[in-house]
PDB file of all heavy atoms in Angstrom:
ATOM      1  N   ALA A   1      17.314  37.828 154.334  1.00  0.00           N
ATOM      2  CA  ALA A   1      17.514  39.217 154.641  1.00  0.00           C
ATOM      3  C   ALA A   1      18.406  39.365 155.917  1.00  0.00           C
ATOM      4  O   ALA A   1      19.281  40.227 155.975  1.00  0.00           O
ATOM      5  CB  ALA A   1      16.170  39.954 154.871  1.00  0.00           C
ATOM      6  N   ALA A   2      18.114  38.556 156.906  1.00  0.00           N
ATOM      7  CA  ALA A   2      18.903  38.616 158.120  1.00  0.00           C
ATOM      8  C   ALA A   2      20.366  38.190 157.872  1.00  0.00           C
ATOM      9  O   ALA A   2      21.291  38.799 158.375  1.00  0.00           O
ATOM     10  CB  ALA A   2      18.280  37.710 159.150  1.00  0.00           C
ATOM     11  N   SER A   3      20.533  37.141 157.011  1.00  0.00           N
ATOM     12  CA  SER A   3      21.893  36.694 156.743  1.00  0.00           C
ATOM     13  C   SER A   3      22.622  37.765 155.996  1.00  0.00           C
ATOM     14  O   SER A   3      23.810  37.985 156.282  1.00  0.00           O
ATOM     15  CB  SER A   3      21.758  35.443 155.893  1.00  0.00           C
ATOM     16  OG  SER A   3      23.023  35.020 155.445  1.00  0.00           O
ATOM     17  N   THR A   4      21.991  38.419 154.972  1.00  0.00           N
ATOM     18  CA  THR A   4      22.692  39.444 154.260  1.00  0.00           C
ATOM     19  C   THR A   4      23.044  40.632 155.032  1.00  0.00           C
ATOM     20  O   THR A   4      24.090  41.210 154.966  1.00  0.00           O
ATOM     21  CB  THR A   4      21.782  39.880 153.006  1.00  0.00           C
ATOM     22  OG1 THR A   4      21.485  38.728 152.248  1.00  0.00           O
ATOM     23  CG2 THR A   4      22.511  40.895 152.176  1.00  0.00           C
ATOM     24  N   SER A   5      22.096  41.068 155.951  1.00  0.00           N
ATOM     25  CA  SER A   5      22.293  42.226 156.756  1.00  0.00           C
ATOM     26  C   SER A   5      23.399  41.954 157.800  1.00  0.00           C
ATOM     27  O   SER A   5      24.092  42.844 158.258  1.00  0.00           O
ATOM     28  CB  SER A   5      21.043  42.705 157.444  1.00  0.00           C
ATOM     29  OG  SER A   5      20.568  41.641 158.341  1.00  0.00           O
ATOM     30  N   ALA A   6      23.605  40.662 158.210  1.00  0.00           N
ATOM     31  CA  ALA A   6      24.621  40.314 159.142  1.00  0.00           C
ATOM     32  C   ALA A   6      26.016  40.396 158.530  1.00  0.00           C
ATOM     33  O   ALA A   6      26.968  40.580 159.215  1.00  0.00           O
ATOM     34  CB  ALA A   6      24.337  38.944 159.703  1.00  0.00           C
ATOM     35  N   GLN A   7      26.067  40.227 157.235  1.00  0.00           N
ATOM     36  CA  GLN A   7      27.390  40.264 156.550  1.00  0.00           C
ATOM     37  C   GLN A   7      27.721  41.690 156.144  1.00  0.00           C
ATOM     38  O   GLN A   7      26.920  42.417 155.587  1.00  0.00           O
ATOM     39  CB  GLN A   7      27.371  39.395 155.287  1.00  0.00           C
ATOM     40  CG  GLN A   7      27.445  37.931 155.558  1.00  0.00           C
ATOM     41  CD  GLN A   7      27.601  37.108 154.308  1.00  0.00           C
ATOM     42  OE1 GLN A   7      26.794  37.319 153.401  1.00  0.00           O
ATOM     43  NE2 GLN A   7      28.607  36.297 154.216  1.00  0.00           N
ATOM     44  N   GLN A   8      28.976  42.087 156.431  1.00  0.00           N
ATOM     45  CA  GLN A   8      29.409  43.372 156.117  1.00  0.00           C
ATOM     46  C   GLN A   8      29.772  43.450 154.649  1.00  0.00           C
ATOM     47  O   GLN A   8      30.452  42.551 154.146  1.00  0.00           O
ATOM     48  CB  GLN A   8      30.624  43.784 156.959  1.00  0.00           C
ATOM     49  CG  GLN A   8      31.141  45.128 156.666  1.00  0.00           C
ATOM     50  CD  GLN A   8      32.389  45.466 157.498  1.00  0.00           C
ATOM     51  OE1 GLN A   8      32.803  44.659 158.327  1.00  0.00           O
ATOM     52  NE2 GLN A   8      32.992  46.608 157.241  1.00  0.00           N
ATOM     53  N   MET A   9      29.341  44.485 153.949  1.00  0.00           N
ATOM     54  CA  MET A   9      29.820  44.732 152.559  1.00  0.00           C
ATOM     55  C   MET A   9      31.128  45.348 152.570  1.00  0.00           C
ATOM     56  O   MET A   9      31.389  46.341 153.198  1.00  0.00           O
ATOM     57  CB  MET A   9      28.788  45.594 151.868  1.00  0.00           C
ATOM     58  CG  MET A   9      27.453  44.966 151.487  1.00  0.00           C
ATOM     59  SD  MET A   9      27.614  43.517 150.410  1.00  0.00           S
ATOM     60  CE  MET A   9      28.338  44.308 148.923  1.00  0.00           C
ATOM     61  N   CYS A  10      32.089  44.739 151.778  1.00  0.00           N
ATOM     62  CA  CYS A  10      33.458  45.215 151.719  1.00  0.00           C
ATOM     63  C   CYS A  10      33.574  46.023 150.407  1.00  0.00           C
ATOM     64  O   CYS A  10      33.425  45.458 149.334  1.00  0.00           O
ATOM     65  CB  CYS A  10      34.436  44.060 151.768  1.00  0.00           C
ATOM     66  SG  CYS A  10      34.319  43.011 153.172  1.00  0.00           S
ATOM     67  N   VAL A  11      33.811  47.294 150.533  1.00  0.00           N
ATOM     68  CA  VAL A  11      33.930  48.158 149.368  1.00  0.00           C
ATOM     69  C   VAL A  11      35.156  49.032 149.521  1.00  0.00           C
ATOM     70  O   VAL A  11      35.542  49.419 150.574  1.00  0.00           O
ATOM     71  CB  VAL A  11      32.697  49.004 149.145  1.00  0.00           C
ATOM     72  CG1 VAL A  11      31.477  48.178 148.811  1.00  0.00           C
ATOM     73  CG2 VAL A  11      32.383  49.939 150.357  1.00  0.00           C
ATOM     74  N   THR A  12      35.718  49.394 148.356  1.00  0.00           N
ATOM     75  CA  THR A  12      36.753  50.436 148.371  1.00  0.00           C
ATOM     76  C   THR A  12      36.170  51.616 147.584  1.00  0.00           C
ATOM     77  O   THR A  12      35.627  51.447 146.426  1.00  0.00           O
ATOM     78  CB  THR A  12      38.021  49.998 147.660  1.00  0.00           C
ATOM     79  OG1 THR A  12      37.728  49.490 146.335  1.00  0.00           O
ATOM     80  CG2 THR A  12      38.742  48.899 148.417  1.00  0.00           C
ATOM     81  N   ASP A  13      36.221  52.822 148.128  1.00  0.00           N
ATOM     82  CA  ASP A  13      35.559  53.914 147.512  1.00  0.00           C
ATOM     83  C   ASP A  13      36.406  54.601 146.496  1.00  0.00           C
ATOM     84  O   ASP A  13      36.016  55.579 145.822  1.00  0.00           O
ATOM     85  CB  ASP A  13      35.097  54.958 148.583  1.00  0.00           C
ATOM     86  CG  ASP A  13      36.210  55.449 149.439  1.00  0.00           C
ATOM     87  OD1 ASP A  13      37.397  55.175 149.109  1.00  0.00           O
ATOM     88  OD2 ASP A  13      35.929  56.001 150.550  1.00  0.00           O
ATOM     89  N   GLY A  14      37.704  54.183 146.318  1.00  0.00           N
ATOM     90  CA  GLY A  14      38.587  54.792 145.382  1.00  0.00           C
ATOM     91  C   GLY A  14      39.228  56.054 145.869  1.00  0.00           C
ATOM     92  O   GLY A  14      40.095  56.608 145.219  1.00  0.00           O
ATOM     93  N   ASP A  15      38.776  56.527 147.023  1.00  0.00           N
ATOM     94  CA  ASP A  15      39.312  57.757 147.643  1.00  0.00           C
ATOM     95  C   ASP A  15      40.441  57.363 148.589  1.00  0.00           C
ATOM     96  O   ASP A  15      40.260  57.375 149.776  1.00  0.00           O
ATOM     97  CB  ASP A  15      38.223  58.549 148.326  1.00  0.00           C
ATOM     98  CG  ASP A  15      38.733  59.900 148.818  1.00  0.00           C
ATOM     99  OD1 ASP A  15      39.810  60.298 148.366  1.00  0.00           O
ATOM    100  OD2 ASP A  15      38.010  60.418 149.722  1.00  0.00           O
ATOM    101  N   TYR A  16      41.544  56.940 147.991  1.00  0.00           N
ATOM    102  CA  TYR A  16      42.609  56.332 148.820  1.00  0.00           C
ATOM    103  C   TYR A  16      43.218  57.308 149.837  1.00  0.00           C
ATOM    104  O   TYR A  16      43.427  58.476 149.540  1.00  0.00           O
ATOM    105  CB  TYR A  16      43.756  55.857 147.934  1.00  0.00           C
ATOM    106  CG  TYR A  16      43.396  54.632 147.088  1.00  0.00           C
ATOM    107  CD1 TYR A  16      43.424  54.668 145.748  1.00  0.00           C
ATOM    108  CD2 TYR A  16      43.010  53.441 147.730  1.00  0.00           C
ATOM    109  CE1 TYR A  16      43.078  53.597 145.000  1.00  0.00           C
ATOM    110  CE2 TYR A  16      42.642  52.342 147.016  1.00  0.00           C
ATOM    111  CZ  TYR A  16      42.691  52.416 145.585  1.00  0.00           C
ATOM    112  OH  TYR A  16      42.297  51.331 144.911  1.00  0.00           O
ATOM    113  N   GLU A  17      43.523  56.749 150.980  1.00  0.00           N
ATOM    114  CA  GLU A  17      44.239  57.523 151.998  1.00  0.00           C
ATOM    115  C   GLU A  17      45.567  57.956 151.357  1.00  0.00           C
ATOM    116  O   GLU A  17      46.245  57.144 150.721  1.00  0.00           O
ATOM    117  CB  GLU A  17      44.498  56.673 153.187  1.00  0.00           C
ATOM    118  CG  GLU A  17      45.328  57.280 154.260  1.00  0.00           C
ATOM    119  CD  GLU A  17      45.665  56.260 155.407  1.00  0.00           C
ATOM    120  OE1 GLU A  17      44.834  55.380 155.595  1.00  0.00           O
ATOM    121  OE2 GLU A  17      46.688  56.384 155.994  1.00  0.00           O
ATOM    122  N   PRO A  18      45.984  59.237 151.472  1.00  0.00           N
ATOM    123  CA  PRO A  18      47.181  59.654 150.865  1.00  0.00           C
ATOM    124  C   PRO A  18      48.426  58.902 151.464  1.00  0.00           C
ATOM    125  O   PRO A  18      48.419  58.513 152.615  1.00  0.00           O
ATOM    126  CB  PRO A  18      47.311  61.129 151.118  1.00  0.00           C
ATOM    127  CG  PRO A  18      46.442  61.375 152.303  1.00  0.00           C
ATOM    128  CD  PRO A  18      45.349  60.301 152.249  1.00  0.00           C
ATOM    129  N   PRO A  19      49.496  58.700 150.637  1.00  0.00           N
ATOM    130  CA  PRO A  19      50.724  58.045 151.148  1.00  0.00           C
ATOM    131  C   PRO A  19      51.329  58.919 152.228  1.00  0.00           C
ATOM    132  O   PRO A  19      51.229  60.119 152.184  1.00  0.00           O
ATOM    133  CB  PRO A  19      51.575  57.934 149.928  1.00  0.00           C
ATOM    134  CG  PRO A  19      51.044  58.903 148.934  1.00  0.00           C
ATOM    135  CD  PRO A  19      49.576  59.084 149.215  1.00  0.00           C
ATOM    136  N   SER A  20      51.947  58.250 153.133  1.00  0.00           N
ATOM    137  CA  SER A  20      52.704  58.980 154.203  1.00  0.00           C
ATOM    138  C   SER A  20      53.795  59.841 153.566  1.00  0.00           C
ATOM    139  O   SER A  20      54.321  59.537 152.500  1.00  0.00           O
ATOM    140  CB  SER A  20      53.336  57.999 155.208  1.00  0.00           C
ATOM    141  OG  SER A  20      52.349  57.147 155.744  1.00  0.00           O
ATOM    142  N   GLU A  21      54.158  60.926 154.271  1.00  0.00           N
ATOM    143  CA  GLU A  21      55.212  61.801 153.795  1.00  0.00           C
ATOM    144  C   GLU A  21      56.551  61.141 153.960  1.00  0.00           C
ATOM    145  O   GLU A  21      57.545  61.513 153.252  1.00  0.00           O
ATOM    146  CB  GLU A  21      55.179  63.104 154.514  1.00  0.00           C
ATOM    147  CG  GLU A  21      53.906  63.981 154.128  1.00  0.00           C
ATOM    148  CD  GLU A  21      53.877  65.323 154.809  1.00  0.00           C
ATOM    149  OE1 GLU A  21      54.906  65.678 155.391  1.00  0.00           O
ATOM    150  OE2 GLU A  21      52.927  66.024 154.617  1.00  0.00           O
ATOM    151  N   THR A  22      56.609  60.181 154.856  1.00  0.00           N
ATOM    152  CA  THR A  22      57.898  59.456 155.075  1.00  0.00           C
ATOM    153  C   THR A  22      57.773  58.062 154.593  1.00  0.00           C
ATOM    154  O   THR A  22      56.693  57.437 154.631  1.00  0.00           O
ATOM    155  CB  THR A  22      58.281  59.411 156.608  1.00  0.00           C
ATOM    156  OG1 THR A  22      57.201  58.894 157.351  1.00  0.00           O
ATOM    157  CG2 THR A  22      58.578  60.822 157.135  1.00  0.00           C
ATOM    158  N   ASP A  23      58.875  57.535 154.045  1.00  0.00           N
ATOM    159  CA  ASP A  23      58.955  56.163 153.499  1.00  0.00           C
ATOM    160  C   ASP A  23      59.597  55.210 154.398  1.00  0.00           C
ATOM    161  O   ASP A  23      60.358  55.595 155.378  1.00  0.00           O
ATOM    162  CB  ASP A  23      59.735  56.186 152.172  1.00  0.00           C
ATOM    163  CG  ASP A  23      58.896  56.812 151.021  1.00  0.00           C
ATOM    164  OD1 ASP A  23      57.722  57.059 151.254  1.00  0.00           O
ATOM    165  OD2 ASP A  23      59.455  56.986 149.968  1.00  0.00           O
ATOM    166  N   GLN A  24      59.310  53.958 154.231  1.00  0.00           N
ATOM    167  CA  GLN A  24      60.017  52.868 154.950  1.00  0.00           C
ATOM    168  C   GLN A  24      60.809  52.087 153.862  1.00  0.00           C
ATOM    169  O   GLN A  24      60.320  51.892 152.736  1.00  0.00           O
ATOM    170  CB  GLN A  24      59.037  51.944 155.697  1.00  0.00           C
ATOM    171  CG  GLN A  24      57.930  51.418 154.826  1.00  0.00           C
ATOM    172  CD  GLN A  24      57.049  50.490 155.579  1.00  0.00           C
ATOM    173  OE1 GLN A  24      57.450  49.740 156.458  1.00  0.00           O
ATOM    174  NE2 GLN A  24      55.753  50.594 155.277  1.00  0.00           N
ATOM    175  N   ILE A  25      62.028  51.680 154.183  1.00  0.00           N
ATOM    176  CA  ILE A  25      62.797  50.952 153.265  1.00  0.00           C
ATOM    177  C   ILE A  25      62.779  49.505 153.757  1.00  0.00           C
ATOM    178  O   ILE A  25      63.205  49.192 154.889  1.00  0.00           O
ATOM    179  CB  ILE A  25      64.253  51.464 153.148  1.00  0.00           C
ATOM    180  CG1 ILE A  25      64.180  52.916 152.579  1.00  0.00           C
ATOM    181  CG2 ILE A  25      65.089  50.572 152.225  1.00  0.00           C
ATOM    182  CD1 ILE A  25      65.570  53.554 152.508  1.00  0.00           C
ATOM    183  N   ILE A  26      62.377  48.598 152.874  1.00  0.00           N
ATOM    184  CA  ILE A  26      62.242  47.130 153.221  1.00  0.00           C
ATOM    185  C   ILE A  26      63.200  46.327 152.375  1.00  0.00           C
ATOM    186  O   ILE A  26      63.171  46.450 151.107  1.00  0.00           O
ATOM    187  CB  ILE A  26      60.799  46.664 153.067  1.00  0.00           C
ATOM    188  CG1 ILE A  26      59.845  47.517 153.886  1.00  0.00           C
ATOM    189  CG2 ILE A  26      60.681  45.176 153.354  1.00  0.00           C
ATOM    190  CD1 ILE A  26      58.429  47.292 153.608  1.00  0.00           C
ATOM    191  N   ASP A  27      64.006  45.529 153.012  1.00  0.00           N
ATOM    192  CA  ASP A  27      64.900  44.627 152.270  1.00  0.00           C
ATOM    193  C   ASP A  27      64.104  43.338 151.944  1.00  0.00           C
ATOM    194  O   ASP A  27      63.453  42.743 152.785  1.00  0.00           O
ATOM    195  CB  ASP A  27      66.150  44.221 153.077  1.00  0.00           C
ATOM    196  CG  ASP A  27      67.113  45.420 153.155  1.00  0.00           C
ATOM    197  OD1 ASP A  27      66.951  46.352 152.397  1.00  0.00           O
ATOM    198  OD2 ASP A  27      68.007  45.358 154.047  1.00  0.00           O
ATOM    199  N   LEU A  28      64.184  42.927 150.669  1.00  0.00           N
ATOM    200  CA  LEU A  28      63.588  41.675 150.216  1.00  0.00           C
ATOM    201  C   LEU A  28      64.700  40.792 149.635  1.00  0.00           C
ATOM    202  O   LEU A  28      64.880  40.740 148.469  1.00  0.00           O
ATOM    203  CB  LEU A  28      62.491  41.977 149.146  1.00  0.00           C
ATOM    204  CG  LEU A  28      61.316  42.807 149.589  1.00  0.00           C
ATOM    205  CD1 LEU A  28      60.439  43.228 148.385  1.00  0.00           C
ATOM    206  CD2 LEU A  28      60.502  42.118 150.663  1.00  0.00           C
ATOM    207  N   PRO A  29      65.440  40.150 150.564  1.00  0.00           N
ATOM    208  CA  PRO A  29      66.607  39.402 150.043  1.00  0.00           C
ATOM    209  C   PRO A  29      66.286  38.270 149.103  1.00  0.00           C
ATOM    210  O   PRO A  29      67.086  37.873 148.240  1.00  0.00           O
ATOM    211  CB  PRO A  29      67.234  38.838 151.361  1.00  0.00           C
ATOM    212  CG  PRO A  29      66.195  38.994 152.379  1.00  0.00           C
ATOM    213  CD  PRO A  29      65.336  40.161 152.011  1.00  0.00           C
ATOM    214  N   GLU A  30      65.107  37.710 149.173  1.00  0.00           N
ATOM    215  CA  GLU A  30      64.705  36.609 148.243  1.00  0.00           C
ATOM    216  C   GLU A  30      64.644  37.142 146.839  1.00  0.00           C
ATOM    217  O   GLU A  30      64.751  36.360 145.855  1.00  0.00           O
ATOM    218  CB  GLU A  30      63.412  36.004 148.684  1.00  0.00           C
ATOM    219  CG  GLU A  30      62.204  36.908 148.620  1.00  0.00           C
ATOM    220  CD  GLU A  30      61.885  37.656 149.890  1.00  0.00           C
ATOM    221  OE1 GLU A  30      62.850  38.045 150.540  1.00  0.00           O
ATOM    222  OE2 GLU A  30      60.706  37.962 150.124  1.00  0.00           O
ATOM    223  N   PHE A  31      64.435  38.465 146.679  1.00  0.00           N
ATOM    224  CA  PHE A  31      64.391  39.090 145.256  1.00  0.00           C
ATOM    225  C   PHE A  31      65.649  39.867 144.980  1.00  0.00           C
ATOM    226  O   PHE A  31      65.723  40.412 143.906  1.00  0.00           O
ATOM    227  CB  PHE A  31      63.180  40.034 145.217  1.00  0.00           C
ATOM    228  CG  PHE A  31      61.875  39.414 145.447  1.00  0.00           C
ATOM    229  CD1 PHE A  31      61.162  39.545 146.654  1.00  0.00           C
ATOM    230  CD2 PHE A  31      61.303  38.579 144.461  1.00  0.00           C
ATOM    231  CE1 PHE A  31      59.908  38.951 146.794  1.00  0.00           C
ATOM    232  CE2 PHE A  31      60.067  37.989 144.651  1.00  0.00           C
ATOM    233  CZ  PHE A  31      59.375  38.189 145.827  1.00  0.00           C
ATOM    234  N   HIS A  32      66.567  39.875 145.953  1.00  0.00           N
ATOM    235  CA  HIS A  32      67.870  40.601 145.804  1.00  0.00           C
ATOM    236  C   HIS A  32      67.623  42.103 145.617  1.00  0.00           C
ATOM    237  O   HIS A  32      68.364  42.793 144.917  1.00  0.00           O
ATOM    238  CB  HIS A  32      68.669  40.086 144.607  1.00  0.00           C
ATOM    239  CG  HIS A  32      69.035  38.654 144.710  1.00  0.00           C
ATOM    240  ND1 HIS A  32      70.155  38.187 145.367  1.00  0.00           N
ATOM    241  CD2 HIS A  32      68.416  37.498 144.367  1.00  0.00           C
ATOM    242  CE1 HIS A  32      70.211  36.875 145.360  1.00  0.00           C
ATOM    243  NE2 HIS A  32      69.107  36.438 144.756  1.00  0.00           N
ATOM    244  N   ILE A  33      66.567  42.623 146.264  1.00  0.00           N
ATOM    245  CA  ILE A  33      66.302  44.083 146.143  1.00  0.00           C
ATOM    246  C   ILE A  33      65.882  44.607 147.534  1.00  0.00           C
ATOM    247  O   ILE A  33      65.522  43.945 148.451  1.00  0.00           O
ATOM    248  CB  ILE A  33      65.104  44.340 145.151  1.00  0.00           C
ATOM    249  CG1 ILE A  33      63.833  43.696 145.581  1.00  0.00           C
ATOM    250  CG2 ILE A  33      65.493  43.924 143.757  1.00  0.00           C
ATOM    251  CD1 ILE A  33      62.595  44.008 144.827  1.00  0.00           C
ATOM    252  N   SER A  34      65.907  45.997 147.574  1.00  0.00           N
ATOM    253  CA  SER A  34      65.293  46.747 148.638  1.00  0.00           C
ATOM    254  C   SER A  34      64.211  47.556 147.979  1.00  0.00           C
ATOM    255  O   SER A  34      64.294  47.960 146.836  1.00  0.00           O
ATOM    256  CB  SER A  34      66.249  47.625 149.403  1.00  0.00           C
ATOM    257  OG  SER A  34      66.773  48.583 148.609  1.00  0.00           O
ATOM    258  N   LEU A  35      63.229  47.864 148.785  1.00  0.00           N
ATOM    259  CA  LEU A  35      62.000  48.552 148.221  1.00  0.00           C
ATOM    260  C   LEU A  35      61.627  49.683 149.191  1.00  0.00           C
ATOM    261  O   LEU A  35      61.526  49.519 150.400  1.00  0.00           O
ATOM    262  CB  LEU A  35      60.858  47.580 148.122  1.00  0.00           C
ATOM    263  CG  LEU A  35      59.503  48.120 147.672  1.00  0.00           C
ATOM    264  CD1 LEU A  35      59.557  48.628 146.251  1.00  0.00           C
ATOM    265  CD2 LEU A  35      58.403  46.999 147.833  1.00  0.00           C
ATOM    266  N   SER A  36      61.412  50.873 148.582  1.00  0.00           N
ATOM    267  CA  SER A  36      60.946  52.056 149.372  1.00  0.00           C
ATOM    268  C   SER A  36      59.467  52.279 149.157  1.00  0.00           C
ATOM    269  O   SER A  36      59.050  52.463 147.991  1.00  0.00           O
ATOM    270  CB  SER A  36      61.767  53.265 148.978  1.00  0.00           C
ATOM    271  OG  SER A  36      61.290  54.402 149.605  1.00  0.00           O
ATOM    272  N   ILE A  37      58.687  52.218 150.269  1.00  0.00           N
ATOM    273  CA  ILE A  37      57.246  52.444 150.093  1.00  0.00           C
ATOM    274  C   ILE A  37      56.794  53.398 151.262  1.00  0.00           C
ATOM    275  O   ILE A  37      57.479  53.457 152.332  1.00  0.00           O
ATOM    276  CB  ILE A  37      56.427  51.152 150.217  1.00  0.00           C
ATOM    277  CG1 ILE A  37      56.655  50.397 151.549  1.00  0.00           C
ATOM    278  CG2 ILE A  37      56.749  50.267 149.031  1.00  0.00           C
ATOM    279  CD1 ILE A  37      55.756  49.175 151.739  1.00  0.00           C
ATOM    280  N   PRO A  38      55.680  54.075 151.124  1.00  0.00           N
ATOM    281  CA  PRO A  38      55.192  54.933 152.220  1.00  0.00           C
ATOM    282  C   PRO A  38      54.941  54.163 153.482  1.00  0.00           C
ATOM    283  O   PRO A  38      54.590  52.952 153.437  1.00  0.00           O
ATOM    284  CB  PRO A  38      53.857  55.503 151.658  1.00  0.00           C
ATOM    285  CG  PRO A  38      54.009  55.419 150.203  1.00  0.00           C
ATOM    286  CD  PRO A  38      54.793  54.163 149.911  1.00  0.00           C
ATOM    287  N   GLU A  39      55.150  54.770 154.635  1.00  0.00           N
ATOM    288  CA  GLU A  39      55.011  54.078 155.920  1.00  0.00           C
ATOM    289  C   GLU A  39      53.610  53.507 156.173  1.00  0.00           C
ATOM    290  O   GLU A  39      53.504  52.581 156.942  1.00  0.00           O
ATOM    291  CB  GLU A  39      55.426  55.013 157.099  1.00  0.00           C
ATOM    292  CG  GLU A  39      56.914  55.086 157.248  1.00  0.00           C
ATOM    293  CD  GLU A  39      57.319  55.879 158.504  1.00  0.00           C
ATOM    294  OE1 GLU A  39      56.442  56.530 159.055  1.00  0.00           O
ATOM    295  OE2 GLU A  39      58.485  55.753 158.901  1.00  0.00           O
ATOM    296  N   ASN A  40      52.590  54.091 155.573  1.00  0.00           N
ATOM    297  CA  ASN A  40      51.278  53.537 155.774  1.00  0.00           C
ATOM    298  C   ASN A  40      50.840  52.458 154.850  1.00  0.00           C
ATOM    299  O   ASN A  40      49.719  52.007 154.877  1.00  0.00           O
ATOM    300  CB  ASN A  40      50.240  54.718 155.826  1.00  0.00           C
ATOM    301  CG  ASN A  40      50.243  55.463 154.491  1.00  0.00           C
ATOM    302  OD1 ASN A  40      51.128  55.485 153.771  1.00  0.00           O
ATOM    303  ND2 ASN A  40      49.110  56.217 154.287  1.00  0.00           N
TER     304      ASN A  40
END
């Protein structure tokens, strides 16, 4: 019981933080592409 309570349970609630309104553009030269994703 002590061991289990000492370990944190990792869960995702499915209620994702919304994507940022601004994007970041990342170059991935190994794939020959650039990728636009939210800043967060």
